[in-house]
Amino acid sequence: MATSQRPMSTRNGFEEAFQAVILAGGQGKKLAPLTDGANKATLPVANKPLISYQLDYLEAAGITEVIIVVNQAAAAAPMRMVADARTTMRVSVEVTEDGVMGTADALRQIRAKLRTDFCVMPCDLQTNAQLGAVLDAHRVHQGAVTALVVQQEKDEKKKVKTEDFIIVDEMTDALLMIAEKSQLKEALEIRRTLFDKYPRVAVRSDLADPHFYVFAHWVLDVLEKKSDFVSIKRDLLPFLLRKQYSMTTADID
């Protein structure tokens, strides 16, 4: 559960309004047997479906349209929940096509329904972060992507469990790189060009990425041209961070 927050952003074009996408296609294998034959998003938490907390969070921030993306195998329960939901937002459920597995693939499928800059979040994120502040950071910095990062809690030995290495520009808080510890072969590799452009950087191991992002609408053009991108976290996000401040929709190769 996220208990503190710090919005960080790259720079590029933005829109004034935002839509929201909740990715609820995960099978929730870590929660088995609770998720056997069920969608993790609809598991009851304090007598409410898990995803209802995300809907309340988005509605409180003034979001008016939400798209919930689910897989075919467990689509019925979320669709019933949305039909019964008491909300002023426009909420729709999109069922992924057979073979669509990755988070980037899911965004490609719903591209036609995304008209503005949009935020993307998992169905199990619980946070007290002020979403309005995150969206404002995206507007102010004109971000290609604005990412919410959270302070890791220390264990009983006052140690922090490192999940991500996050590199930021100390002068502007611009997000420069996120590397998953589990994906590193040996050491964290940083390109020299990063230091040429940003001489004062901080490599943080006490922050984590809870997979909450705000994207500029034109990023969908990147996904169309980069058809091999499967994951937002492992493919799309690193690409945008490498290209920040210089990329346009005509320069995404």
C-alpha atoms as a PDB file:
ATOM      1  CA  MET A   1       0.000   0.000   0.000  1.00  0.00           C
ATOM      2  CA  ALA A   2       1.385   3.384  -0.929  1.00  0.00           C
ATOM      3  CA  THR A   3       1.681   5.752   2.016  1.00  0.00           C
ATOM      4  CA  SER A   4       3.637   8.648   0.527  1.00  0.00           C
ATOM      5  CA  GLN A   5       4.109  10.040  -2.920  1.00  0.00           C
ATOM      6  CA  ARG A   6       6.179  12.221  -5.195  1.00  0.00           C
ATOM      7  CA  PRO A   7       5.054  12.996  -8.741  1.00  0.00           C
ATOM      8  CA  MET A   8       7.853  13.099 -11.330  1.00  0.00           C
ATOM      9  CA  SER A   9       7.518  13.900 -14.997  1.00  0.00           C
ATOM     10  CA  THR A  10       9.218  14.143 -18.341  1.00  0.00           C
ATOM     11  CA  ARG A  11       8.321  16.917 -20.772  1.00  0.00           C
ATOM     12  CA  ASN A  12       6.202  17.096 -23.881  1.00  0.00           C
ATOM     13  CA  GLY A  13       2.680  17.981 -25.054  1.00  0.00           C
ATOM     14  CA  PHE A  14      -0.453  17.659 -22.904  1.00  0.00           C
ATOM     15  CA  GLU A  15      -4.211  18.057 -22.883  1.00  0.00           C
ATOM     16  CA  GLU A  16      -6.381  19.746 -20.281  1.00  0.00           C
ATOM     17  CA  ALA A  17      -8.765  16.835 -19.704  1.00  0.00           C
ATOM     18  CA  PHE A  18      -7.937  13.322 -18.611  1.00  0.00           C
ATOM     19  CA  GLN A  19      -9.480   9.910 -19.039  1.00  0.00           C
ATOM     20  CA  ALA A  20      -8.557   6.961 -16.851  1.00  0.00           C
ATOM     21  CA  VAL A  21      -7.739   3.349 -17.660  1.00  0.00           C
ATOM     22  CA  ILE A  22      -7.841   0.616 -15.018  1.00  0.00           C
ATOM     23  CA  LEU A  23      -5.986  -2.532 -16.033  1.00  0.00           C
ATOM     24  CA  ALA A  24      -7.867  -5.427 -14.487  1.00  0.00           C
ATOM     25  CA  GLY A  25      -6.784  -8.279 -16.725  1.00  0.00           C
ATOM     26  CA  GLY A  26      -4.313  -9.855 -14.319  1.00  0.00           C
ATOM     27  CA  GLN A  27      -5.108 -13.347 -13.069  1.00  0.00           C
ATOM     28  CA  GLY A  28      -4.009 -12.592  -9.518  1.00  0.00           C
ATOM     29  CA  LYS A  29      -2.064 -15.847  -9.174  1.00  0.00           C
ATOM     30  CA  LYS A  30      -0.416 -14.651  -5.968  1.00  0.00           C
ATOM     31  CA  LEU A  31      -3.847 -14.488  -4.350  1.00  0.00           C
ATOM     32  CA  ALA A  32      -4.857 -18.049  -5.225  1.00  0.00           C
ATOM     33  CA  PRO A  33      -7.094 -19.783  -4.263  1.00  0.00           C
ATOM     34  CA  LEU A  34      -9.085 -16.576  -3.677  1.00  0.00           C
ATOM     35  CA  THR A  35      -8.869 -15.754  -7.362  1.00  0.00           C
ATOM     36  CA  ASP A  36      -9.594 -19.217  -8.709  1.00  0.00           C
ATOM     37  CA  GLY A  37     -12.279 -18.633 -11.313  1.00  0.00           C
ATOM     38  CA  ALA A  38     -12.618 -14.983 -10.330  1.00  0.00           C
ATOM     39  CA  ASN A  39     -11.230 -11.588 -11.312  1.00  0.00           C
ATOM     40  CA  LYS A  40      -8.904 -10.007  -8.757  1.00  0.00           C
ATOM     41  CA  ALA A  41     -10.595  -6.663  -9.307  1.00  0.00           C
ATOM     42  CA  THR A  42     -13.860  -7.904  -7.804  1.00  0.00           C
ATOM     43  CA  LEU A  43     -12.465  -9.571  -4.688  1.00  0.00           C
ATOM     44  CA  PRO A  44     -14.254  -8.194  -1.601  1.00  0.00           C
ATOM     45  CA  VAL A  45     -12.251  -5.864   0.655  1.00  0.00           C
ATOM     46  CA  ALA A  46     -14.195  -4.529   3.660  1.00  0.00           C
ATOM     47  CA  ASN A  47     -17.398  -5.657   1.926  1.00  0.00           C
ATOM     48  CA  LYS A  48     -16.613  -3.728  -1.264  1.00  0.00           C
ATOM     49  CA  PRO A  49     -15.123  -4.980  -4.544  1.00  0.00           C
ATOM     50  CA  LEU A  50     -11.441  -4.102  -4.751  1.00  0.00           C
ATOM     51  CA  ILE A  51     -11.879  -2.044  -7.906  1.00  0.00           C
ATOM     52  CA  SER A  52     -14.540   0.141  -6.305  1.00  0.00           C
ATOM     53  CA  TYR A  53     -11.779   1.854  -4.324  1.00  0.00           C
ATOM     54  CA  GLN A  54     -10.047   2.855  -7.554  1.00  0.00           C
ATOM     55  CA  LEU A  55     -13.328   4.193  -8.947  1.00  0.00           C
ATOM     56  CA  ASP A  56     -13.911   6.252  -5.798  1.00  0.00           C
ATOM     57  CA  TYR A  57     -10.334   7.556  -5.982  1.00  0.00           C
ATOM     58  CA  LEU A  58     -10.695   8.660  -9.585  1.00  0.00           C
ATOM     59  CA  GLU A  59     -14.127  10.206  -9.067  1.00  0.00           C
ATOM     60  CA  ALA A  60     -12.869  12.239  -6.099  1.00  0.00           C
ATOM     61  CA  ALA A  61     -10.158  13.715  -8.348  1.00  0.00           C
ATOM     62  CA  GLY A  62     -12.697  14.864 -10.919  1.00  0.00           C
ATOM     63  CA  ILE A  63     -12.141  12.140 -13.512  1.00  0.00           C
ATOM     64  CA  THR A  64     -15.339  11.748 -15.518  1.00  0.00           C
ATOM     65  CA  GLU A  65     -14.592   8.762 -17.775  1.00  0.00           C
ATOM     66  CA  VAL A  66     -13.020   5.418 -16.883  1.00  0.00           C
ATOM     67  CA  ILE A  67     -12.274   2.400 -19.067  1.00  0.00           C
ATOM     68  CA  ILE A  68     -11.754  -0.912 -17.265  1.00  0.00           C
ATOM     69  CA  VAL A  69      -9.790  -3.448 -19.300  1.00  0.00           C
ATOM     70  CA  VAL A  70     -10.389  -7.113 -18.436  1.00  0.00           C
ATOM     71  CA  ASN A  71      -9.649 -10.462 -20.036  1.00  0.00           C
ATOM     72  CA  GLN A  72     -12.286 -12.681 -21.573  1.00  0.00           C
ATOM     73  CA  ALA A  73     -11.983 -15.397 -18.940  1.00  0.00           C
ATOM     74  CA  ALA A  74     -13.053 -13.185 -16.053  1.00  0.00           C
ATOM     75  CA  ALA A  75     -15.083 -10.399 -17.635  1.00  0.00           C
ATOM     76  CA  ALA A  76     -18.566 -11.188 -16.315  1.00  0.00           C
ATOM     77  CA  ALA A  77     -18.065 -10.066 -12.720  1.00  0.00           C
ATOM     78  CA  PRO A  78     -16.564  -6.627 -13.518  1.00  0.00           C
ATOM     79  CA  MET A  79     -19.316  -5.987 -16.051  1.00  0.00           C
ATOM     80  CA  ARG A  80     -21.995  -6.763 -13.449  1.00  0.00           C
ATOM     81  CA  MET A  81     -20.219  -4.564 -10.908  1.00  0.00           C
ATOM     82  CA  VAL A  82     -20.064  -1.611 -13.298  1.00  0.00           C
ATOM     83  CA  ALA A  83     -23.750  -2.025 -14.117  1.00  0.00           C
ATOM     84  CA  ASP A  84     -24.566  -1.779 -10.406  1.00  0.00           C
ATOM     85  CA  ALA A  85     -22.033   0.953  -9.564  1.00  0.00           C
ATOM     86  CA  ARG A  86     -23.279   4.215  -8.099  1.00  0.00           C
ATOM     87  CA  THR A  87     -21.055   6.800  -9.738  1.00  0.00           C
ATOM     88  CA  THR A  88     -21.356   9.969 -11.766  1.00  0.00           C
ATOM     89  CA  MET A  89     -18.506   8.850 -14.036  1.00  0.00           C
ATOM     90  CA  ARG A  90     -18.928   7.167 -17.386  1.00  0.00           C
ATOM     91  CA  VAL A  91     -17.522   3.696 -16.757  1.00  0.00           C
ATOM     92  CA  SER A  92     -17.146   1.087 -19.468  1.00  0.00           C
ATOM     93  CA  VAL A  93     -15.611  -2.382 -19.590  1.00  0.00           C
ATOM     94  CA  GLU A  94     -13.421  -3.427 -22.513  1.00  0.00           C
ATOM     95  CA  VAL A  95     -12.697  -7.132 -22.956  1.00  0.00           C
ATOM     96  CA  THR A  96      -9.291  -7.925 -24.440  1.00  0.00           C
ATOM     97  CA  GLU A  97      -9.118  -9.997 -27.567  1.00  0.00           C
ATOM     98  CA  ASP A  98      -7.759 -13.532 -27.514  1.00  0.00           C
ATOM     99  CA  GLY A  99      -3.985 -13.447 -27.322  1.00  0.00           C
ATOM    100  CA  VAL A 100      -3.809  -9.880 -25.950  1.00  0.00           C
ATOM    101  CA  MET A 101      -1.749 -10.315 -22.804  1.00  0.00           C
ATOM    102  CA  GLY A 102       0.490  -7.294 -22.231  1.00  0.00           C
ATOM    103  CA  THR A 103      -0.423  -3.919 -20.762  1.00  0.00           C
ATOM    104  CA  ALA A 104       0.852  -2.110 -23.866  1.00  0.00           C
ATOM    105  CA  ASP A 105      -1.259  -4.432 -26.016  1.00  0.00           C
ATOM    106  CA  ALA A 106      -4.310  -3.482 -23.961  1.00  0.00           C
ATOM    107  CA  LEU A 107      -3.752   0.225 -24.647  1.00  0.00           C
ATOM    108  CA  ARG A 108      -3.479  -0.455 -28.364  1.00  0.00           C
ATOM    109  CA  GLN A 109      -6.809  -2.225 -28.328  1.00  0.00           C
ATOM    110  CA  ILE A 110      -8.666   0.674 -26.703  1.00  0.00           C
ATOM    111  CA  ARG A 111      -6.859   3.431 -28.597  1.00  0.00           C
ATOM    112  CA  ALA A 112      -9.989   4.555 -30.430  1.00  0.00           C
ATOM    113  CA  LYS A 113     -11.697   5.249 -27.092  1.00  0.00           C
ATOM    114  CA  LEU A 114      -8.879   7.444 -25.775  1.00  0.00           C
ATOM    115  CA  ARG A 115      -9.353  11.047 -26.897  1.00  0.00           C
ATOM    116  CA  THR A 116      -7.268  12.963 -24.348  1.00  0.00           C
ATOM    117  CA  ASP A 117      -4.248  12.536 -22.112  1.00  0.00           C
ATOM    118  CA  PHE A 118      -4.980   9.605 -19.823  1.00  0.00           C
ATOM    119  CA  CYS A 119      -3.876   7.972 -16.609  1.00  0.00           C
ATOM    120  CA  VAL A 120      -3.281   4.236 -16.287  1.00  0.00           C
ATOM    121  CA  MET A 121      -3.441   2.288 -13.043  1.00  0.00           C
ATOM    122  CA  PRO A 122      -3.675  -1.320 -11.842  1.00  0.00           C
ATOM    123  CA  CYS A 123      -6.852  -2.573 -10.216  1.00  0.00           C
ATOM    124  CA  ASP A 124      -5.155  -3.229  -6.872  1.00  0.00           C
ATOM    125  CA  LEU A 125      -3.467   0.131  -6.201  1.00  0.00           C
ATOM    126  CA  GLN A 126      -4.389   1.630  -2.849  1.00  0.00           C
ATOM    127  CA  THR A 127      -2.838   5.039  -2.173  1.00  0.00           C
ATOM    128  CA  ASN A 128      -3.430   8.291  -0.331  1.00  0.00           C
ATOM    129  CA  ALA A 129      -1.591  10.241  -3.056  1.00  0.00           C
ATOM    130  CA  GLN A 130      -3.426  13.367  -4.140  1.00  0.00           C
ATOM    131  CA  LEU A 131      -4.297  12.524  -7.725  1.00  0.00           C
ATOM    132  CA  GLY A 132      -5.012  16.161  -8.491  1.00  0.00           C
ATOM    133  CA  ALA A 133      -1.390  17.007  -7.664  1.00  0.00           C
ATOM    134  CA  VAL A 134      -0.134  14.278  -9.997  1.00  0.00           C
ATOM    135  CA  LEU A 135      -2.337  15.521 -12.856  1.00  0.00           C
ATOM    136  CA  ASP A 136      -1.254  19.107 -12.197  1.00  0.00           C
ATOM    137  CA  ALA A 137       2.406  18.032 -12.356  1.00  0.00           C
ATOM    138  CA  HIS A 138       1.680  16.468 -15.731  1.00  0.00           C
ATOM    139  CA  ARG A 139       0.116  19.714 -16.965  1.00  0.00           C
ATOM    140  CA  VAL A 140       2.846  21.980 -15.615  1.00  0.00           C
ATOM    141  CA  HIS A 141       5.748  19.895 -16.925  1.00  0.00           C
ATOM    142  CA  GLN A 142       3.946  19.074 -20.171  1.00  0.00           C
ATOM    143  CA  GLY A 143       4.852  15.451 -19.663  1.00  0.00           C
ATOM    144  CA  ALA A 144       5.085  12.684 -22.182  1.00  0.00           C
ATOM    145  CA  VAL A 145       4.627  10.575 -19.066  1.00  0.00           C
ATOM    146  CA  THR A 146       4.257  11.470 -15.417  1.00  0.00           C
ATOM    147  CA  ALA A 147       4.908   8.627 -12.973  1.00  0.00           C
ATOM    148  CA  LEU A 148       3.874   8.319  -9.354  1.00  0.00           C
ATOM    149  CA  VAL A 149       6.643   6.866  -7.181  1.00  0.00           C
ATOM    150  CA  VAL A 150       6.282   5.874  -3.531  1.00  0.00           C
ATOM    151  CA  GLN A 151       8.603   5.760  -0.558  1.00  0.00           C
ATOM    152  CA  GLN A 152       9.456   2.208   0.436  1.00  0.00           C
ATOM    153  CA  GLU A 153       8.735   1.229   4.011  1.00  0.00           C
ATOM    154  CA  LYS A 154      11.612  -0.027   6.152  1.00  0.00           C
ATOM    155  CA  ASP A 155      11.547  -3.449   7.804  1.00  0.00           C
ATOM    156  CA  GLU A 156      12.212  -4.181  11.487  1.00  0.00           C
ATOM    157  CA  LYS A 157      15.968  -3.868  10.854  1.00  0.00           C
ATOM    158  CA  LYS A 158      15.413  -0.421   9.334  1.00  0.00           C
ATOM    159  CA  LYS A 159      16.324  -1.675   5.892  1.00  0.00           C
ATOM    160  CA  VAL A 160      14.509  -0.904   2.673  1.00  0.00           C
ATOM    161  CA  LYS A 161      13.627  -3.699   0.249  1.00  0.00           C
ATOM    162  CA  THR A 162      14.814  -2.446  -3.119  1.00  0.00           C
ATOM    163  CA  GLU A 163      12.480  -3.273  -6.006  1.00  0.00           C
ATOM    164  CA  ASP A 164      13.412  -0.507  -8.431  1.00  0.00           C
ATOM    165  CA  PHE A 165      16.376   1.735  -9.101  1.00  0.00           C
ATOM    166  CA  ILE A 166      14.987   5.157  -9.973  1.00  0.00           C
ATOM    167  CA  ILE A 167      17.195   7.888 -11.421  1.00  0.00           C
ATOM    168  CA  VAL A 168      16.056  11.518 -11.278  1.00  0.00           C
ATOM    169  CA  ASP A 169      17.533  14.871 -12.176  1.00  0.00           C
ATOM    170  CA  GLU A 170      18.293  16.571  -8.851  1.00  0.00           C
ATOM    171  CA  MET A 171      17.670  20.015 -10.335  1.00  0.00           C
ATOM    172  CA  THR A 172      14.176  19.439 -11.731  1.00  0.00           C
ATOM    173  CA  ASP A 173      12.952  16.070 -10.375  1.00  0.00           C
ATOM    174  CA  ALA A 174      12.654  14.907 -13.987  1.00  0.00           C
ATOM    175  CA  LEU A 175      12.388  11.142 -14.143  1.00  0.00           C
ATOM    176  CA  LEU A 176      15.296   9.767 -16.177  1.00  0.00           C
ATOM    177  CA  MET A 177      15.264   6.008 -15.674  1.00  0.00           C
ATOM    178  CA  ILE A 178      13.459   3.194 -13.860  1.00  0.00           C
ATOM    179  CA  ALA A 179      15.145  -0.201 -13.676  1.00  0.00           C
ATOM    180  CA  GLU A 180      13.565  -3.220 -12.033  1.00  0.00           C
ATOM    181  CA  LYS A 181      16.024  -4.981  -9.765  1.00  0.00           C
ATOM    182  CA  SER A 182      14.610  -8.368 -10.791  1.00  0.00           C
ATOM    183  CA  GLN A 183      15.392  -7.622 -14.455  1.00  0.00           C
ATOM    184  CA  LEU A 184      19.048  -6.657 -13.958  1.00  0.00           C
ATOM    185  CA  LYS A 185      21.576  -9.267 -15.031  1.00  0.00           C
ATOM    186  CA  GLU A 186      24.454  -8.045 -12.893  1.00  0.00           C
ATOM    187  CA  ALA A 187      24.803  -4.302 -12.473  1.00  0.00           C
ATOM    188  CA  LEU A 188      22.768  -1.192 -13.184  1.00  0.00           C
ATOM    189  CA  GLU A 189      23.933   0.152 -16.545  1.00  0.00           C
ATOM    190  CA  ILE A 190      23.601   3.881 -17.170  1.00  0.00           C
ATOM    191  CA  ARG A 191      24.394   5.468 -20.517  1.00  0.00           C
ATOM    192  CA  ARG A 192      27.118   8.103 -20.560  1.00  0.00           C
ATOM    193  CA  THR A 193      24.845  10.398 -22.562  1.00  0.00           C
ATOM    194  CA  LEU A 194      22.580  10.633 -19.535  1.00  0.00           C
ATOM    195  CA  PHE A 195      25.377  12.163 -17.471  1.00  0.00           C
ATOM    196  CA  ASP A 196      26.377  14.427 -20.360  1.00  0.00           C
ATOM    197  CA  LYS A 197      22.905  15.947 -20.331  1.00  0.00           C
ATOM    198  CA  TYR A 198      22.156  15.706 -16.608  1.00  0.00           C
ATOM    199  CA  PRO A 199      25.354  16.183 -14.567  1.00  0.00           C
ATOM    200  CA  ARG A 200      23.549  16.096 -11.205  1.00  0.00           C
ATOM    201  CA  VAL A 201      21.448  12.972 -10.832  1.00  0.00           C
ATOM    202  CA  ALA A 202      20.314  10.852  -7.905  1.00  0.00           C
ATOM    203  CA  VAL A 203      20.084   7.060  -8.038  1.00  0.00           C
ATOM    204  CA  ARG A 204      17.330   6.120  -5.605  1.00  0.00           C
ATOM    205  CA  SER A 205      16.826   2.613  -4.259  1.00  0.00           C
ATOM    206  CA  ASP A 206      14.296   3.649  -1.604  1.00  0.00           C
ATOM    207  CA  LEU A 207      11.499   4.431  -4.054  1.00  0.00           C
ATOM    208  CA  ALA A 208       9.162   2.091  -5.893  1.00  0.00           C
ATOM    209  CA  ASP A 209       7.018   2.319  -9.000  1.00  0.00           C
ATOM    210  CA  PRO A 210       3.387   1.323  -8.267  1.00  0.00           C
ATOM    211  CA  HIS A 211       2.524   1.422 -12.000  1.00  0.00           C
ATOM    212  CA  PHE A 212       0.462   4.622 -11.953  1.00  0.00           C
ATOM    213  CA  TYR A 213       1.230   6.715 -15.043  1.00  0.00           C
ATOM    214  CA  VAL A 214      -0.229   9.714 -16.833  1.00  0.00           C
ATOM    215  CA  PHE A 215       0.443   9.689 -20.574  1.00  0.00           C
ATOM    216  CA  ALA A 216       0.189  12.315 -23.285  1.00  0.00           C
ATOM    217  CA  HIS A 217      -2.310  11.218 -25.910  1.00  0.00           C
ATOM    218  CA  TRP A 218       0.321  11.171 -28.655  1.00  0.00           C
ATOM    219  CA  VAL A 219       2.102   8.322 -26.855  1.00  0.00           C
ATOM    220  CA  LEU A 220      -0.497   6.066 -28.482  1.00  0.00           C
ATOM    221  CA  ASP A 221       1.240   6.859 -31.795  1.00  0.00           C
ATOM    222  CA  VAL A 222       4.409   5.405 -30.305  1.00  0.00           C
ATOM    223  CA  LEU A 223       2.603   2.172 -29.471  1.00  0.00           C
ATOM    224  CA  GLU A 224       1.253   1.898 -32.988  1.00  0.00           C
ATOM    225  CA  LYS A 225       4.713   2.206 -34.527  1.00  0.00           C
ATOM    226  CA  LYS A 226       6.406   0.113 -31.864  1.00  0.00           C
ATOM    227  CA  SER A 227       4.267  -2.978 -32.355  1.00  0.00           C
ATOM    228  CA  ASP A 228       6.796  -5.144 -30.501  1.00  0.00           C
ATOM    229  CA  PHE A 229       6.175  -3.284 -27.240  1.00  0.00           C
ATOM    230  CA  VAL A 230       4.255  -5.618 -24.921  1.00  0.00           C
ATOM    231  CA  SER A 231       4.610  -4.058 -21.463  1.00  0.00           C
ATOM    232  CA  ILE A 232       4.130  -0.469 -20.315  1.00  0.00           C
ATOM    233  CA  LYS A 233       6.699  -0.830 -17.526  1.00  0.00           C
ATOM    234  CA  ARG A 234       9.373  -2.775 -19.404  1.00  0.00           C
ATOM    235  CA  ASP A 235       8.989  -1.502 -22.976  1.00  0.00           C
ATOM    236  CA  LEU A 236       7.077   1.767 -23.344  1.00  0.00           C
ATOM    237  CA  LEU A 237       8.259   3.593 -20.220  1.00  0.00           C
ATOM    238  CA  PRO A 238      12.018   3.003 -20.755  1.00  0.00           C
ATOM    239  CA  PHE A 239      11.687   4.084 -24.392  1.00  0.00           C
ATOM    240  CA  LEU A 240       9.973   7.355 -23.468  1.00  0.00           C
ATOM    241  CA  LEU A 241      12.513   8.101 -20.775  1.00  0.00           C
ATOM    242  CA  ARG A 242      15.406   7.569 -23.177  1.00  0.00           C
ATOM    243  CA  LYS A 243      13.808   9.834 -25.773  1.00  0.00           C
ATOM    244  CA  GLN A 244      12.500  12.577 -23.497  1.00  0.00           C
ATOM    245  CA  TYR A 245      12.872  16.240 -24.381  1.00  0.00           C
ATOM    246  CA  SER A 246      13.742  15.382 -27.994  1.00  0.00           C
ATOM    247  CA  MET A 247      10.937  13.116 -29.207  1.00  0.00           C
ATOM    248  CA  THR A 248       8.029  14.210 -31.353  1.00  0.00           C
ATOM    249  CA  THR A 249       5.354  12.041 -32.926  1.00  0.00           C
ATOM    250  CA  ALA A 250       7.427  12.161 -36.112  1.00  0.00           C
ATOM    251  CA  ASP A 251      10.618  11.097 -34.337  1.00  0.00           C
ATOM    252  CA  ILE A 252       9.867   7.880 -32.494  1.00  0.00           C
ATOM    253  CA  ASP A 253      12.083   5.355 -34.214  1.00  0.00           C
END
